[in-house]
Amino acid sequence: MSVLASPQLWASTLAMAVPLALPALGGTFSERTGVVNIAMEGIMLVGAFFAVTFAYYTGSAWLGLLIALVMGAIVAAIFAWAAIRLAADQVVLGMAVNIFAAGLTAFLLDTIFGYTGTPPNTPQLPSVDIPFLDHIPFIGAILSHQSILLYVMLVLVVLSHWFLFHTKLGLRMRAVGENPLAADTVGLNVWRLRYLGVIIGGVLSALGGAYLSIGILHSFDVGMTGGRGYIALAAMIFGKWTPFGAFGASLLFGFANALAIALQGHGVSPNLLQMLPYALTILALCGLVGRSTPPAADGIPYEPRR
């Protein structure tokens, strides 16, 4: 009980939910338009690597972040072109992107930085101190002194919900994910809306990768995402393809990670603790936490009417 009462546990839960919630939001945009995107793991790796590289060489973490978002959009656009225009199998394509990104970033890390890895003086995005929160017991310890990207993530969750469910463009994006033929019949450009959803997903996934590399670690290591892109996919499914649901599921997975760290040294097997978030992922993907129904046209290629 003392562990659960610790504000550090809940602060860690929030911090560890960020690299899950951001790609989960991105996946929500992509799949709401009808494109299955399991390439989030690879796009996160690309975003993490280019964020560190450009932050180091330009001396600005903000420029590193900008380049990471651009690279995420480029990779997502290539994925979207193959998935939408060429009607490639989206699951196979996503796995190919993940494998390619893992190999590419490992190669570039060795080529650019050598065996020493990324320099320890790589710029890092700032943490934010909110003066009025510092004086609130317990809550202040949870919400203050967090990376700026954590607060960006909280804002993006709200904006994503508003955009998807309370704007005309959001309605159109959801329409092409449910019934692209009907959307096409009334004059909507199905391909264009699907491109938009996938590219937004790529930008948000790259943002999650940048959070890992220049938000909390100011370094890059091979495979540093550690399967978070796949856990984000499970969070999106667990959250029933909604921004708030994806965020809530990310908090649950973040809590599992934070609890595993907090319980180290308390007589619990570390191997069992490390298994917690992945066990939750399996439960979510198996549907044992409640039936989740994806958009009706999710993963189904569409050829526009001529």
C-alpha atoms as a PDB file:
ATOM      1  CA  MET A   1       0.000   0.000   0.000  1.00  0.00           C
ATOM      2  CA  SER A   2       2.885   2.371   0.691  1.00  0.00           C
ATOM      3  CA  VAL A   3       3.996   1.915  -2.900  1.00  0.00           C
ATOM      4  CA  LEU A   4       0.550   2.841  -4.241  1.00  0.00           C
ATOM      5  CA  ALA A   5       0.447   5.912  -2.003  1.00  0.00           C
ATOM      6  CA  SER A   6       3.687   7.239  -3.420  1.00  0.00           C
ATOM      7  CA  PRO A   7       3.288  10.241  -5.756  1.00  0.00           C
ATOM      8  CA  GLN A   8       6.434   9.094  -7.566  1.00  0.00           C
ATOM      9  CA  LEU A   9       4.561   5.984  -8.729  1.00  0.00           C
ATOM     10  CA  TRP A  10       1.798   8.057 -10.286  1.00  0.00           C
ATOM     11  CA  ALA A  11       4.239  10.576 -11.741  1.00  0.00           C
ATOM     12  CA  SER A  12       6.069   7.664 -13.371  1.00  0.00           C
ATOM     13  CA  THR A  13       2.744   6.283 -14.602  1.00  0.00           C
ATOM     14  CA  LEU A  14       2.033   9.535 -16.428  1.00  0.00           C
ATOM     15  CA  ALA A  15       5.567   9.764 -17.808  1.00  0.00           C
ATOM     16  CA  MET A  16       5.511   6.173 -19.063  1.00  0.00           C
ATOM     17  CA  ALA A  17       2.085   6.616 -20.624  1.00  0.00           C
ATOM     18  CA  VAL A  18       3.325   9.392 -22.945  1.00  0.00           C
ATOM     19  CA  PRO A  19       5.253   7.213 -25.475  1.00  0.00           C
ATOM     20  CA  LEU A  20       2.225   4.906 -25.573  1.00  0.00           C
ATOM     21  CA  ALA A  21      -0.554   7.481 -25.754  1.00  0.00           C
ATOM     22  CA  LEU A  22       0.984   9.518 -28.590  1.00  0.00           C
ATOM     23  CA  PRO A  23       1.288   6.634 -31.104  1.00  0.00           C
ATOM     24  CA  ALA A  24      -2.044   5.229 -29.850  1.00  0.00           C
ATOM     25  CA  LEU A  25      -3.640   8.562 -30.785  1.00  0.00           C
ATOM     26  CA  GLY A  26      -1.880   8.360 -34.134  1.00  0.00           C
ATOM     27  CA  GLY A  27      -3.151   4.849 -34.717  1.00  0.00           C
ATOM     28  CA  THR A  28      -6.664   6.028 -33.883  1.00  0.00           C
ATOM     29  CA  PHE A  29      -6.516   8.624 -36.660  1.00  0.00           C
ATOM     30  CA  SER A  30      -5.165   6.093 -39.140  1.00  0.00           C
ATOM     31  CA  GLU A  31      -7.618   3.318 -38.376  1.00  0.00           C
ATOM     32  CA  ARG A  32     -10.580   5.673 -38.143  1.00  0.00           C
ATOM     33  CA  THR A  33      -9.967   6.373 -41.827  1.00  0.00           C
ATOM     34  CA  GLY A  34      -9.727   2.653 -42.605  1.00  0.00           C
ATOM     35  CA  VAL A  35      -5.977   1.968 -42.678  1.00  0.00           C
ATOM     36  CA  VAL A  36      -4.475  -0.564 -40.254  1.00  0.00           C
ATOM     37  CA  ASN A  37      -1.162   0.871 -39.132  1.00  0.00           C
ATOM     38  CA  ILE A  38       1.149  -1.401 -37.158  1.00  0.00           C
ATOM     39  CA  ALA A  39       4.163   0.566 -38.392  1.00  0.00           C
ATOM     40  CA  MET A  40       4.031   2.769 -35.291  1.00  0.00           C
ATOM     41  CA  GLU A  41       6.991   0.950 -33.741  1.00  0.00           C
ATOM     42  CA  GLY A  42       9.195   1.679 -36.735  1.00  0.00           C
ATOM     43  CA  ILE A  43       8.065   5.296 -37.052  1.00  0.00           C
ATOM     44  CA  MET A  44       8.785   5.818 -33.358  1.00  0.00           C
ATOM     45  CA  LEU A  45      12.329   4.535 -33.898  1.00  0.00           C
ATOM     46  CA  VAL A  46      12.834   6.855 -36.860  1.00  0.00           C
ATOM     47  CA  GLY A  47      11.501   9.812 -34.882  1.00  0.00           C
ATOM     48  CA  ALA A  48      13.684   8.991 -31.890  1.00  0.00           C
ATOM     49  CA  PHE A  49      16.856   8.680 -33.965  1.00  0.00           C
ATOM     50  CA  PHE A  50      16.450  11.794 -36.082  1.00  0.00           C
ATOM     51  CA  ALA A  51      15.404  13.835 -33.048  1.00  0.00           C
ATOM     52  CA  VAL A  52      18.680  13.007 -31.296  1.00  0.00           C
ATOM     53  CA  THR A  53      20.824  13.418 -34.404  1.00  0.00           C
ATOM     54  CA  PHE A  54      19.540  16.836 -35.390  1.00  0.00           C
ATOM     55  CA  ALA A  55      19.338  18.019 -31.789  1.00  0.00           C
ATOM     56  CA  TYR A  56      23.034  17.223 -31.395  1.00  0.00           C
ATOM     57  CA  TYR A  57      24.256  18.703 -34.681  1.00  0.00           C
ATOM     58  CA  THR A  58      22.112  21.851 -34.513  1.00  0.00           C
ATOM     59  CA  GLY A  59      22.426  22.337 -30.765  1.00  0.00           C
ATOM     60  CA  SER A  60      18.639  22.684 -30.480  1.00  0.00           C
ATOM     61  CA  ALA A  61      16.278  20.056 -29.120  1.00  0.00           C
ATOM     62  CA  TRP A  62      13.389  21.940 -30.738  1.00  0.00           C
ATOM     63  CA  LEU A  63      14.913  21.596 -34.206  1.00  0.00           C
ATOM     64  CA  GLY A  64      15.534  17.936 -33.469  1.00  0.00           C
ATOM     65  CA  LEU A  65      11.862  17.577 -32.570  1.00  0.00           C
ATOM     66  CA  LEU A  66      10.765  19.331 -35.760  1.00  0.00           C
ATOM     67  CA  ILE A  67      12.911  17.064 -37.946  1.00  0.00           C
ATOM     68  CA  ALA A  68      11.573  14.008 -36.103  1.00  0.00           C
ATOM     69  CA  LEU A  69       8.002  15.045 -36.942  1.00  0.00           C
ATOM     70  CA  VAL A  70       8.933  15.649 -40.592  1.00  0.00           C
ATOM     71  CA  MET A  71      10.593  12.232 -40.841  1.00  0.00           C
ATOM     72  CA  GLY A  72       7.567  10.601 -39.219  1.00  0.00           C
ATOM     73  CA  ALA A  73       5.324  12.253 -41.802  1.00  0.00           C
ATOM     74  CA  ILE A  74       7.589  11.107 -44.670  1.00  0.00           C
ATOM     75  CA  VAL A  75       7.693   7.471 -43.520  1.00  0.00           C
ATOM     76  CA  ALA A  76       3.927   7.526 -42.950  1.00  0.00           C
ATOM     77  CA  ALA A  77       3.349   9.001 -46.412  1.00  0.00           C
ATOM     78  CA  ILE A  78       5.379   6.202 -48.014  1.00  0.00           C
ATOM     79  CA  PHE A  79       3.435   3.639 -45.989  1.00  0.00           C
ATOM     80  CA  ALA A  80       0.162   5.320 -46.985  1.00  0.00           C
ATOM     81  CA  TRP A  81       1.101   5.321 -50.673  1.00  0.00           C
ATOM     82  CA  ALA A  82       1.783   1.587 -50.645  1.00  0.00           C
ATOM     83  CA  ALA A  83      -1.249   0.755 -48.503  1.00  0.00           C
ATOM     84  CA  ILE A  84      -3.759   3.035 -50.232  1.00  0.00           C
ATOM     85  CA  ARG A  85      -2.581   3.505 -53.789  1.00  0.00           C
ATOM     86  CA  LEU A  86      -1.036   0.061 -54.309  1.00  0.00           C
ATOM     87  CA  ALA A  87      -3.511  -1.760 -52.016  1.00  0.00           C
ATOM     88  CA  ALA A  88      -0.660  -3.663 -50.357  1.00  0.00           C
ATOM     89  CA  ASP A  89      -1.402  -5.901 -47.396  1.00  0.00           C
ATOM     90  CA  GLN A  90      -1.364  -3.385 -44.560  1.00  0.00           C
ATOM     91  CA  VAL A  91      -0.210  -5.753 -41.828  1.00  0.00           C
ATOM     92  CA  VAL A  92       2.692  -7.120 -43.887  1.00  0.00           C
ATOM     93  CA  LEU A  93       3.569  -3.590 -44.974  1.00  0.00           C
ATOM     94  CA  GLY A  94       3.579  -2.351 -41.387  1.00  0.00           C
ATOM     95  CA  MET A  95       5.885  -5.146 -40.289  1.00  0.00           C
ATOM     96  CA  ALA A  96       8.200  -4.371 -43.210  1.00  0.00           C
ATOM     97  CA  VAL A  97       8.405  -0.735 -42.089  1.00  0.00           C
ATOM     98  CA  ASN A  98       9.188  -1.825 -38.532  1.00  0.00           C
ATOM     99  CA  ILE A  99      11.968  -4.182 -39.632  1.00  0.00           C
ATOM    100  CA  PHE A 100      13.405  -1.629 -42.053  1.00  0.00           C
ATOM    101  CA  ALA A 101      13.349   1.141 -39.427  1.00  0.00           C
ATOM    102  CA  ALA A 102      15.099  -1.058 -36.869  1.00  0.00           C
ATOM    103  CA  GLY A 103      17.870  -1.912 -39.337  1.00  0.00           C
ATOM    104  CA  LEU A 104      18.172   1.616 -40.719  1.00  0.00           C
ATOM    105  CA  THR A 105      18.465   3.327 -37.333  1.00  0.00           C
ATOM    106  CA  ALA A 106      21.003   0.749 -36.104  1.00  0.00           C
ATOM    107  CA  PHE A 107      23.082   1.275 -39.253  1.00  0.00           C
ATOM    108  CA  LEU A 108      22.909   5.067 -39.061  1.00  0.00           C
ATOM    109  CA  LEU A 109      23.734   5.074 -35.350  1.00  0.00           C
ATOM    110  CA  ASP A 110      26.912   3.096 -35.985  1.00  0.00           C
ATOM    111  CA  THR A 111      27.804   5.090 -39.107  1.00  0.00           C
ATOM    112  CA  ILE A 112      27.271   8.559 -37.623  1.00  0.00           C
ATOM    113  CA  PHE A 113      28.200   8.138 -33.960  1.00  0.00           C
ATOM    114  CA  GLY A 114      30.293   4.960 -33.921  1.00  0.00           C
ATOM    115  CA  TYR A 115      30.613   2.508 -31.051  1.00  0.00           C
ATOM    116  CA  THR A 116      30.434   5.280 -28.420  1.00  0.00           C
ATOM    117  CA  GLY A 117      26.828   6.026 -29.334  1.00  0.00           C
ATOM    118  CA  THR A 118      25.098   9.371 -29.107  1.00  0.00           C
ATOM    119  CA  PRO A 119      27.047  12.024 -27.146  1.00  0.00           C
ATOM    120  CA  PRO A 120      25.950  12.672 -23.538  1.00  0.00           C
ATOM    121  CA  ASN A 121      25.742  16.436 -24.184  1.00  0.00           C
ATOM    122  CA  THR A 122      22.867  16.070 -26.673  1.00  0.00           C
ATOM    123  CA  PRO A 123      20.278  18.811 -25.971  1.00  0.00           C
ATOM    124  CA  GLN A 124      17.103  17.738 -24.223  1.00  0.00           C
ATOM    125  CA  LEU A 125      13.597  19.165 -24.262  1.00  0.00           C
ATOM    126  CA  PRO A 126      12.843  21.069 -21.058  1.00  0.00           C
ATOM    127  CA  SER A 127      10.821  19.913 -18.106  1.00  0.00           C
ATOM    128  CA  VAL A 128       8.053  22.217 -16.950  1.00  0.00           C
ATOM    129  CA  ASP A 129       7.490  23.556 -13.453  1.00  0.00           C
ATOM    130  CA  ILE A 130       3.979  24.857 -12.816  1.00  0.00           C
ATOM    131  CA  PRO A 131       4.216  27.224  -9.808  1.00  0.00           C
ATOM    132  CA  PHE A 132       0.673  26.880  -8.463  1.00  0.00           C
ATOM    133  CA  LEU A 133       0.809  23.078  -8.712  1.00  0.00           C
ATOM    134  CA  ASP A 134       3.981  22.855  -6.632  1.00  0.00           C
ATOM    135  CA  HIS A 135       2.038  23.898  -3.549  1.00  0.00           C
ATOM    136  CA  ILE A 136      -0.707  21.281  -3.905  1.00  0.00           C
ATOM    137  CA  PRO A 137       0.110  18.201  -1.820  1.00  0.00           C
ATOM    138  CA  PHE A 138       0.440  14.937  -3.743  1.00  0.00           C
ATOM    139  CA  ILE A 139      -0.991  16.380  -7.000  1.00  0.00           C
ATOM    140  CA  GLY A 140       1.903  18.811  -7.299  1.00  0.00           C
ATOM    141  CA  ALA A 141       4.439  16.008  -7.013  1.00  0.00           C
ATOM    142  CA  ILE A 142       2.694  14.121  -9.823  1.00  0.00           C
ATOM    143  CA  LEU A 143       2.108  16.889 -12.354  1.00  0.00           C
ATOM    144  CA  SER A 144       5.096  19.167 -11.833  1.00  0.00           C
ATOM    145  CA  HIS A 145       8.656  18.682 -13.125  1.00  0.00           C
ATOM    146  CA  GLN A 146       7.476  16.633 -16.100  1.00  0.00           C
ATOM    147  CA  SER A 147       8.699  16.838 -19.695  1.00  0.00           C
ATOM    148  CA  ILE A 148       6.942  19.470 -21.762  1.00  0.00           C
ATOM    149  CA  LEU A 149       5.808  16.722 -24.128  1.00  0.00           C
ATOM    150  CA  LEU A 150       3.687  15.241 -21.354  1.00  0.00           C
ATOM    151  CA  TYR A 151       1.594  18.404 -21.255  1.00  0.00           C
ATOM    152  CA  VAL A 152       1.526  18.480 -25.054  1.00  0.00           C
ATOM    153  CA  MET A 153       0.177  14.922 -24.977  1.00  0.00           C
ATOM    154  CA  LEU A 154      -2.622  15.887 -22.561  1.00  0.00           C
ATOM    155  CA  VAL A 155      -3.658  18.738 -24.840  1.00  0.00           C
ATOM    156  CA  LEU A 156      -3.498  16.497 -27.912  1.00  0.00           C
ATOM    157  CA  VAL A 157      -5.830  13.937 -26.320  1.00  0.00           C
ATOM    158  CA  VAL A 158      -8.518  16.598 -25.875  1.00  0.00           C
ATOM    159  CA  LEU A 159      -7.927  18.151 -29.296  1.00  0.00           C
ATOM    160  CA  SER A 160      -7.993  14.739 -30.999  1.00  0.00           C
ATOM    161  CA  HIS A 161     -11.366  13.906 -29.447  1.00  0.00           C
ATOM    162  CA  TRP A 162     -12.776  17.295 -30.445  1.00  0.00           C
ATOM    163  CA  PHE A 163     -11.384  17.007 -33.972  1.00  0.00           C
ATOM    164  CA  LEU A 164     -12.634  13.482 -34.662  1.00  0.00           C
ATOM    165  CA  PHE A 165     -16.078  13.795 -33.087  1.00  0.00           C
ATOM    166  CA  HIS A 166     -16.974  17.487 -33.275  1.00  0.00           C
ATOM    167  CA  THR A 167     -15.656  18.786 -36.607  1.00  0.00           C
ATOM    168  CA  LYS A 168     -16.798  18.298 -40.191  1.00  0.00           C
ATOM    169  CA  LEU A 169     -13.374  17.014 -41.281  1.00  0.00           C
ATOM    170  CA  GLY A 170     -13.316  14.539 -38.395  1.00  0.00           C
ATOM    171  CA  LEU A 171     -16.751  13.274 -39.419  1.00  0.00           C
ATOM    172  CA  ARG A 172     -15.524  12.802 -42.977  1.00  0.00           C
ATOM    173  CA  MET A 173     -12.463  10.887 -41.827  1.00  0.00           C
ATOM    174  CA  ARG A 174     -14.633   8.566 -39.761  1.00  0.00           C
ATOM    175  CA  ALA A 175     -17.028   8.154 -42.679  1.00  0.00           C
ATOM    176  CA  VAL A 176     -14.343   6.807 -45.032  1.00  0.00           C
ATOM    177  CA  GLY A 177     -13.353   4.318 -42.321  1.00  0.00           C
ATOM    178  CA  GLU A 178     -16.901   3.051 -41.935  1.00  0.00           C
ATOM    179  CA  ASN A 179     -18.297   3.142 -45.471  1.00  0.00           C
ATOM    180  CA  PRO A 180     -15.902   4.449 -48.117  1.00  0.00           C
ATOM    181  CA  LEU A 181     -18.320   3.718 -50.979  1.00  0.00           C
ATOM    182  CA  ALA A 182     -21.015   5.906 -49.432  1.00  0.00           C
ATOM    183  CA  ALA A 183     -18.450   8.614 -48.696  1.00  0.00           C
ATOM    184  CA  ASP A 184     -17.201   8.469 -52.278  1.00  0.00           C
ATOM    185  CA  THR A 185     -20.755   8.627 -53.596  1.00  0.00           C
ATOM    186  CA  VAL A 186     -21.393  11.952 -51.829  1.00  0.00           C
ATOM    187  CA  GLY A 187     -18.172  13.401 -53.223  1.00  0.00           C
ATOM    188  CA  LEU A 188     -15.572  12.778 -50.521  1.00  0.00           C
ATOM    189  CA  ASN A 189     -12.043  11.957 -51.655  1.00  0.00           C
ATOM    190  CA  VAL A 190     -11.486   8.661 -49.840  1.00  0.00           C
ATOM    191  CA  TRP A 191      -7.804   8.357 -50.686  1.00  0.00           C
ATOM    192  CA  ARG A 192      -7.003  11.913 -49.630  1.00  0.00           C
ATOM    193  CA  LEU A 193      -8.719  11.490 -46.261  1.00  0.00           C
ATOM    194  CA  ARG A 194      -6.950   8.189 -45.678  1.00  0.00           C
ATOM    195  CA  TYR A 195      -3.593   9.778 -46.510  1.00  0.00           C
ATOM    196  CA  LEU A 196      -4.379  12.494 -43.973  1.00  0.00           C
ATOM    197  CA  GLY A 197      -5.219   9.984 -41.244  1.00  0.00           C
ATOM    198  CA  VAL A 198      -2.066   7.932 -41.807  1.00  0.00           C
ATOM    199  CA  ILE A 199       0.220  10.978 -41.933  1.00  0.00           C
ATOM    200  CA  ILE A 200      -1.264  12.401 -38.729  1.00  0.00           C
ATOM    201  CA  GLY A 201      -0.625   8.988 -37.207  1.00  0.00           C
ATOM    202  CA  GLY A 202       2.988   9.091 -38.387  1.00  0.00           C
ATOM    203  CA  VAL A 203       3.584  12.538 -36.900  1.00  0.00           C
ATOM    204  CA  LEU A 204       2.157  11.511 -33.528  1.00  0.00           C
ATOM    205  CA  SER A 205       4.147   8.266 -33.502  1.00  0.00           C
ATOM    206  CA  ALA A 206       7.355  10.168 -34.264  1.00  0.00           C
ATOM    207  CA  LEU A 207       6.475  12.555 -31.444  1.00  0.00           C
ATOM    208  CA  GLY A 208       6.297   9.559 -29.108  1.00  0.00           C
ATOM    209  CA  GLY A 209       9.725   8.411 -30.289  1.00  0.00           C
ATOM    210  CA  ALA A 210      11.188  11.890 -29.826  1.00  0.00           C
ATOM    211  CA  TYR A 211       9.838  11.925 -26.281  1.00  0.00           C
ATOM    212  CA  LEU A 212      11.952   8.868 -25.496  1.00  0.00           C
ATOM    213  CA  SER A 213      15.160  10.164 -27.066  1.00  0.00           C
ATOM    214  CA  ILE A 214      15.210  13.910 -26.331  1.00  0.00           C
ATOM    215  CA  GLY A 215      12.346  14.184 -23.852  1.00  0.00           C
ATOM    216  CA  ILE A 216      13.681  11.959 -21.095  1.00  0.00           C
ATOM    217  CA  LEU A 217      16.949  10.255 -22.151  1.00  0.00           C
ATOM    218  CA  HIS A 218      18.773  12.701 -24.519  1.00  0.00           C
ATOM    219  CA  SER A 219      20.262   9.646 -26.231  1.00  0.00           C
ATOM    220  CA  PHE A 220      19.417   6.916 -28.714  1.00  0.00           C
ATOM    221  CA  ASP A 221      20.006   3.189 -28.485  1.00  0.00           C
ATOM    222  CA  VAL A 222      19.223   0.366 -30.884  1.00  0.00           C
ATOM    223  CA  GLY A 223      15.642  -0.789 -30.423  1.00  0.00           C
ATOM    224  CA  MET A 224      15.056   1.762 -27.675  1.00  0.00           C
ATOM    225  CA  THR A 225      11.288   1.783 -28.242  1.00  0.00           C
ATOM    226  CA  GLY A 226      11.182  -1.725 -26.760  1.00  0.00           C
ATOM    227  CA  GLY A 227       7.901  -2.740 -28.367  1.00  0.00           C
ATOM    228  CA  ARG A 228       6.028   0.389 -27.261  1.00  0.00           C
ATOM    229  CA  GLY A 229       4.560   0.786 -30.728  1.00  0.00           C
ATOM    230  CA  TYR A 230       2.897  -2.609 -30.404  1.00  0.00           C
ATOM    231  CA  ILE A 231       1.675  -1.819 -26.886  1.00  0.00           C
ATOM    232  CA  ALA A 232       0.268   1.449 -28.265  1.00  0.00           C
ATOM    233  CA  LEU A 233      -1.614  -0.624 -30.848  1.00  0.00           C
ATOM    234  CA  ALA A 234      -3.107  -2.666 -28.017  1.00  0.00           C
ATOM    235  CA  ALA A 235      -3.967   0.541 -26.126  1.00  0.00           C
ATOM    236  CA  MET A 236      -5.801   1.853 -29.184  1.00  0.00           C
ATOM    237  CA  ILE A 237      -7.808  -1.375 -29.472  1.00  0.00           C
ATOM    238  CA  PHE A 238      -8.415  -1.491 -25.720  1.00  0.00           C
ATOM    239  CA  GLY A 239      -9.591   2.126 -25.935  1.00  0.00           C
ATOM    240  CA  LYS A 240     -12.068   1.225 -28.692  1.00  0.00           C
ATOM    241  CA  TRP A 241     -10.501   3.521 -31.284  1.00  0.00           C
ATOM    242  CA  THR A 242     -11.247   6.707 -29.318  1.00  0.00           C
ATOM    243  CA  PRO A 243      -8.698   9.293 -28.086  1.00  0.00           C
ATOM    244  CA  PHE A 244      -9.863   9.229 -24.464  1.00  0.00           C
ATOM    245  CA  GLY A 245     -10.066   5.451 -24.481  1.00  0.00           C
ATOM    246  CA  ALA A 246      -6.572   5.138 -25.954  1.00  0.00           C
ATOM    247  CA  PHE A 247      -5.248   7.541 -23.322  1.00  0.00           C
ATOM    248  CA  GLY A 248      -6.923   5.603 -20.505  1.00  0.00           C
ATOM    249  CA  ALA A 249      -5.481   2.324 -21.769  1.00  0.00           C
ATOM    250  CA  SER A 250      -2.038   3.943 -22.078  1.00  0.00           C
ATOM    251  CA  LEU A 251      -2.292   5.008 -18.449  1.00  0.00           C
ATOM    252  CA  LEU A 252      -3.046   1.411 -17.502  1.00  0.00           C
ATOM    253  CA  PHE A 253      -0.011   0.118 -19.386  1.00  0.00           C
ATOM    254  CA  GLY A 254       2.081   2.976 -17.987  1.00  0.00           C
ATOM    255  CA  PHE A 255       0.967   2.019 -14.493  1.00  0.00           C
ATOM    256  CA  ALA A 256       2.053  -1.586 -15.105  1.00  0.00           C
ATOM    257  CA  ASN A 257       5.525  -0.349 -16.104  1.00  0.00           C
ATOM    258  CA  ALA A 258       5.765   2.078 -13.195  1.00  0.00           C
ATOM    259  CA  LEU A 259       4.588  -0.547 -10.710  1.00  0.00           C
ATOM    260  CA  ALA A 260       7.136  -3.043 -12.026  1.00  0.00           C
ATOM    261  CA  ILE A 261       9.903  -0.539 -11.296  1.00  0.00           C
ATOM    262  CA  ALA A 262       8.492   0.490  -7.915  1.00  0.00           C
ATOM    263  CA  LEU A 263       8.216  -3.118  -6.712  1.00  0.00           C
ATOM    264  CA  GLN A 264      11.831  -3.958  -7.468  1.00  0.00           C
ATOM    265  CA  GLY A 265      13.541  -4.886  -4.227  1.00  0.00           C
ATOM    266  CA  HIS A 266      10.244  -5.841  -2.560  1.00  0.00           C
ATOM    267  CA  GLY A 267      10.678  -9.585  -2.925  1.00  0.00           C
ATOM    268  CA  VAL A 268       8.843  -9.865  -6.245  1.00  0.00           C
ATOM    269  CA  SER A 269      10.567 -11.607  -9.151  1.00  0.00           C
ATOM    270  CA  PRO A 270      11.904  -8.982 -11.596  1.00  0.00           C
ATOM    271  CA  ASN A 271      11.090 -11.298 -14.507  1.00  0.00           C
ATOM    272  CA  LEU A 272       7.453 -11.393 -13.415  1.00  0.00           C
ATOM    273  CA  LEU A 273       7.383  -7.617 -13.075  1.00  0.00           C
ATOM    274  CA  GLN A 274       8.840  -7.045 -16.531  1.00  0.00           C
ATOM    275  CA  MET A 275       6.119  -9.275 -17.948  1.00  0.00           C
ATOM    276  CA  LEU A 276       3.235  -7.133 -16.605  1.00  0.00           C
ATOM    277  CA  PRO A 277       2.770  -4.637 -19.471  1.00  0.00           C
ATOM    278  CA  TYR A 278       3.112  -7.353 -22.110  1.00  0.00           C
ATOM    279  CA  ALA A 279       0.621  -9.592 -20.316  1.00  0.00           C
ATOM    280  CA  LEU A 280      -1.848  -6.704 -20.354  1.00  0.00           C
ATOM    281  CA  THR A 281      -1.151  -6.252 -24.064  1.00  0.00           C
ATOM    282  CA  ILE A 282      -1.985  -9.909 -24.769  1.00  0.00           C
ATOM    283  CA  LEU A 283      -5.198  -9.621 -22.747  1.00  0.00           C
ATOM    284  CA  ALA A 284      -6.217  -6.518 -24.670  1.00  0.00           C
ATOM    285  CA  LEU A 285      -5.472  -8.033 -28.081  1.00  0.00           C
ATOM    286  CA  CYS A 286      -7.285 -11.261 -27.192  1.00  0.00           C
ATOM    287  CA  GLY A 287     -10.389  -9.271 -26.349  1.00  0.00           C
ATOM    288  CA  LEU A 288     -10.506 -10.582 -22.792  1.00  0.00           C
ATOM    289  CA  VAL A 289     -11.045  -7.055 -21.467  1.00  0.00           C
ATOM    290  CA  GLY A 290     -14.197  -6.450 -23.488  1.00  0.00           C
ATOM    291  CA  ARG A 291     -15.211  -6.760 -27.106  1.00  0.00           C
ATOM    292  CA  SER A 292     -13.817  -4.036 -29.366  1.00  0.00           C
ATOM    293  CA  THR A 293     -15.285  -3.429 -32.804  1.00  0.00           C
ATOM    294  CA  PRO A 294     -13.021  -1.607 -35.271  1.00  0.00           C
ATOM    295  CA  PRO A 295     -14.286   0.732 -38.005  1.00  0.00           C
ATOM    296  CA  ALA A 296     -16.186  -1.352 -40.556  1.00  0.00           C
ATOM    297  CA  ALA A 297     -13.763  -0.714 -43.438  1.00  0.00           C
ATOM    298  CA  ASP A 298     -10.585  -0.888 -41.362  1.00  0.00           C
ATOM    299  CA  GLY A 299      -7.850  -2.616 -43.343  1.00  0.00           C
ATOM    300  CA  ILE A 300      -9.915  -2.918 -46.531  1.00  0.00           C
ATOM    301  CA  PRO A 301      -8.375  -1.245 -49.610  1.00  0.00           C
ATOM    302  CA  TYR A 302     -10.697   0.941 -51.674  1.00  0.00           C
ATOM    303  CA  GLU A 303     -10.648   1.768 -55.370  1.00  0.00           C
ATOM    304  CA  PRO A 304     -12.412   5.109 -56.010  1.00  0.00           C
ATOM    305  CA  ARG A 305     -15.313   5.209 -58.432  1.00  0.00           C
ATOM    306  CA  ARG A 306     -14.385   6.505 -61.874  1.00  0.00           C
END
